[in-house]
């Protein structure tokens, strides 16, 4: 992997849970750092989810190693919100790169 291959910009998003005065939890999406990444297409598919046909696009994303990216992290790539579909992996164990599969679900029609 060469750093020059990281031509895309993604914003790391996390979920923040806050308890209100009534003891109820509210979740909000908090935008974090914007980083460079390499994004390669994997495949696409269609499936029925929640009584709607949805198109799923999948990519392989590589970025510099970070400890704040987990399987529950979402990434904003342009107008697309990507879900991390598998736990991120440090491919060579040297804490240089982080690789993960991501997907975007969008309703058809």
C-alpha atoms as a PDB file:
ATOM      1  CA  UNK A   1       0.000   0.000   0.000  1.00  0.00           C
ATOM      2  CA  UNK A   2       1.310   3.411  -0.983  1.00  0.00           C
ATOM      3  CA  UNK A   3      -0.002   6.563   0.613  1.00  0.00           C
ATOM      4  CA  UNK A   4      -0.639   8.044  -2.857  1.00  0.00           C
ATOM      5  CA  UNK A   5      -3.345   5.408  -3.436  1.00  0.00           C
ATOM      6  CA  UNK A   6      -5.480   7.027  -0.725  1.00  0.00           C
ATOM      7  CA  UNK A   7      -7.358   9.474  -2.908  1.00  0.00           C
ATOM      8  CA  UNK A   8     -10.760   9.509  -1.199  1.00  0.00           C
ATOM      9  CA  UNK A   9     -11.796  11.525   1.867  1.00  0.00           C
ATOM     10  CA  UNK A  10     -14.062   9.969   4.499  1.00  0.00           C
ATOM     11  CA  UNK A  11     -15.405  11.389   7.755  1.00  0.00           C
ATOM     12  CA  UNK A  12     -15.460   9.052  10.739  1.00  0.00           C
ATOM     13  CA  UNK A  13     -18.777   9.130  12.586  1.00  0.00           C
ATOM     14  CA  UNK A  14     -19.604   7.680  15.980  1.00  0.00           C
ATOM     15  CA  UNK A  15     -22.751   7.332  18.068  1.00  0.00           C
ATOM     16  CA  UNK A  16     -22.999   9.440  21.215  1.00  0.00           C
ATOM     17  CA  UNK A  17     -25.491   8.359  23.888  1.00  0.00           C
ATOM     18  CA  UNK A  18     -26.715  11.013  26.309  1.00  0.00           C
ATOM     19  CA  UNK A  19     -29.109  10.505  29.220  1.00  0.00           C
ATOM     20  CA  UNK A  20     -31.745  13.220  29.594  1.00  0.00           C
ATOM     21  CA  UNK A  21     -33.371  14.510  32.806  1.00  0.00           C
ATOM     22  CA  UNK A  22     -36.007  11.748  32.622  1.00  0.00           C
ATOM     23  CA  UNK A  23     -33.510   8.885  32.457  1.00  0.00           C
ATOM     24  CA  UNK A  24     -34.078   8.203  28.758  1.00  0.00           C
ATOM     25  CA  UNK A  25     -31.183   7.770  26.346  1.00  0.00           C
ATOM     26  CA  UNK A  26     -30.841   9.776  23.153  1.00  0.00           C
ATOM     27  CA  UNK A  27     -28.430   8.702  20.423  1.00  0.00           C
ATOM     28  CA  UNK A  28     -26.869  11.204  18.034  1.00  0.00           C
ATOM     29  CA  UNK A  29     -24.300  10.829  15.291  1.00  0.00           C
ATOM     30  CA  UNK A  30     -21.120  12.783  15.969  1.00  0.00           C
ATOM     31  CA  UNK A  31     -18.769  13.624  13.107  1.00  0.00           C
ATOM     32  CA  UNK A  32     -15.107  13.064  13.886  1.00  0.00           C
ATOM     33  CA  UNK A  33     -11.934  13.361  11.846  1.00  0.00           C
ATOM     34  CA  UNK A  34     -11.865  13.431   8.058  1.00  0.00           C
ATOM     35  CA  UNK A  35      -9.125  11.137   6.737  1.00  0.00           C
ATOM     36  CA  UNK A  36      -7.735   9.881   3.437  1.00  0.00           C
ATOM     37  CA  UNK A  37      -8.652   6.371   2.336  1.00  0.00           C
ATOM     38  CA  UNK A  38      -8.410   3.944  -0.568  1.00  0.00           C
ATOM     39  CA  UNK A  39     -11.825   2.583  -1.542  1.00  0.00           C
ATOM     40  CA  UNK A  40     -12.098  -0.353  -3.951  1.00  0.00           C
ATOM     41  CA  UNK A  41     -15.415  -1.783  -5.183  1.00  0.00           C
ATOM     42  CA  UNK A  42     -16.257  -5.363  -4.168  1.00  0.00           C
ATOM     43  CA  UNK A  43     -19.756  -6.166  -5.399  1.00  0.00           C
ATOM     44  CA  UNK A  44     -23.368  -5.109  -5.307  1.00  0.00           C
ATOM     45  CA  UNK A  45     -26.590  -6.954  -4.563  1.00  0.00           C
ATOM     46  CA  UNK A  46     -30.304  -6.524  -4.028  1.00  0.00           C
ATOM     47  CA  UNK A  47     -32.311  -7.881  -1.119  1.00  0.00           C
ATOM     48  CA  UNK A  48     -35.625  -7.556   0.628  1.00  0.00           C
ATOM     49  CA  UNK A  49     -35.294  -5.797   3.978  1.00  0.00           C
ATOM     50  CA  UNK A  50     -38.135  -4.385   6.092  1.00  0.00           C
ATOM     51  CA  UNK A  51     -40.615  -5.094   3.278  1.00  0.00           C
ATOM     52  CA  UNK A  52     -38.599  -2.963   0.826  1.00  0.00           C
ATOM     53  CA  UNK A  53     -36.257  -4.001  -1.942  1.00  0.00           C
ATOM     54  CA  UNK A  54     -32.849  -2.471  -1.228  1.00  0.00           C
ATOM     55  CA  UNK A  55     -29.676  -2.204  -3.264  1.00  0.00           C
ATOM     56  CA  UNK A  56     -26.446  -2.864  -1.409  1.00  0.00           C
ATOM     57  CA  UNK A  57     -23.078  -1.652  -2.662  1.00  0.00           C
ATOM     58  CA  UNK A  58     -19.914  -2.987  -1.000  1.00  0.00           C
ATOM     59  CA  UNK A  59     -16.354  -1.665  -0.913  1.00  0.00           C
ATOM     60  CA  UNK A  60     -12.993  -2.519   0.647  1.00  0.00           C
ATOM     61  CA  UNK A  61     -11.692   0.537   2.518  1.00  0.00           C
ATOM     62  CA  UNK A  62      -8.103   1.072   3.690  1.00  0.00           C
ATOM     63  CA  UNK A  63      -6.953   3.976   5.875  1.00  0.00           C
ATOM     64  CA  UNK A  64      -4.073   4.725   8.216  1.00  0.00           C
ATOM     65  CA  UNK A  65      -4.277   2.792  11.490  1.00  0.00           C
ATOM     66  CA  UNK A  66      -6.612   4.241  14.111  1.00  0.00           C
ATOM     67  CA  UNK A  67      -7.973   2.927  17.385  1.00  0.00           C
ATOM     68  CA  UNK A  68     -11.307   4.776  17.182  1.00  0.00           C
ATOM     69  CA  UNK A  69     -12.689   2.846  14.174  1.00  0.00           C
ATOM     70  CA  UNK A  70     -14.737  -0.204  15.179  1.00  0.00           C
ATOM     71  CA  UNK A  71     -17.466  -2.414  13.724  1.00  0.00           C
ATOM     72  CA  UNK A  72     -20.066   0.093  14.994  1.00  0.00           C
ATOM     73  CA  UNK A  73     -18.437   3.079  13.250  1.00  0.00           C
ATOM     74  CA  UNK A  74     -20.064   4.689  10.225  1.00  0.00           C
ATOM     75  CA  UNK A  75     -18.181   6.644   7.589  1.00  0.00           C
ATOM     76  CA  UNK A  76     -19.401   9.520   5.459  1.00  0.00           C
ATOM     77  CA  UNK A  77     -18.038   9.367   1.895  1.00  0.00           C
ATOM     78  CA  UNK A  78     -19.421  12.228  -0.173  1.00  0.00           C
ATOM     79  CA  UNK A  79     -23.199  11.765   0.043  1.00  0.00           C
ATOM     80  CA  UNK A  80     -22.914   8.088   1.041  1.00  0.00           C
ATOM     81  CA  UNK A  81     -23.114   6.783   4.591  1.00  0.00           C
ATOM     82  CA  UNK A  82     -21.098   3.584   4.860  1.00  0.00           C
ATOM     83  CA  UNK A  83     -21.514   0.915   7.530  1.00  0.00           C
ATOM     84  CA  UNK A  84     -18.518  -1.142   8.619  1.00  0.00           C
ATOM     85  CA  UNK A  85     -19.719  -4.723   7.989  1.00  0.00           C
ATOM     86  CA  UNK A  86     -16.841  -6.624   9.634  1.00  0.00           C
ATOM     87  CA  UNK A  87     -14.420  -5.650  12.403  1.00  0.00           C
ATOM     88  CA  UNK A  88     -11.497  -3.612  11.002  1.00  0.00           C
ATOM     89  CA  UNK A  89      -8.240  -5.542  10.575  1.00  0.00           C
ATOM     90  CA  UNK A  90      -4.592  -4.527  11.004  1.00  0.00           C
ATOM     91  CA  UNK A  91      -3.315  -6.609   8.033  1.00  0.00           C
ATOM     92  CA  UNK A  92       0.362  -6.888   8.976  1.00  0.00           C
ATOM     93  CA  UNK A  93       0.144  -6.283  12.742  1.00  0.00           C
ATOM     94  CA  UNK A  94       2.367  -3.213  12.529  1.00  0.00           C
ATOM     95  CA  UNK A  95      -0.324  -0.571  13.162  1.00  0.00           C
ATOM     96  CA  UNK A  96       0.257   1.101   9.803  1.00  0.00           C
ATOM     97  CA  UNK A  97      -3.024   0.367   7.988  1.00  0.00           C
ATOM     98  CA  UNK A  98      -6.581  -0.505   8.859  1.00  0.00           C
ATOM     99  CA  UNK A  99      -8.666  -2.493   6.367  1.00  0.00           C
ATOM    100  CA  UNK A 100     -12.420  -3.078   6.487  1.00  0.00           C
ATOM    101  CA  UNK A 101     -15.371  -4.023   4.335  1.00  0.00           C
ATOM    102  CA  UNK A 102     -18.086  -1.376   4.184  1.00  0.00           C
ATOM    103  CA  UNK A 103     -21.516  -1.208   2.596  1.00  0.00           C
ATOM    104  CA  UNK A 104     -24.178   1.318   1.750  1.00  0.00           C
ATOM    105  CA  UNK A 105     -27.840   0.333   1.766  1.00  0.00           C
ATOM    106  CA  UNK A 106     -30.273   2.360  -0.282  1.00  0.00           C
ATOM    107  CA  UNK A 107     -33.953   1.772  -0.988  1.00  0.00           C
ATOM    108  CA  UNK A 108     -34.911   1.204  -4.626  1.00  0.00           C
ATOM    109  CA  UNK A 109     -37.393   3.513  -6.269  1.00  0.00           C
END
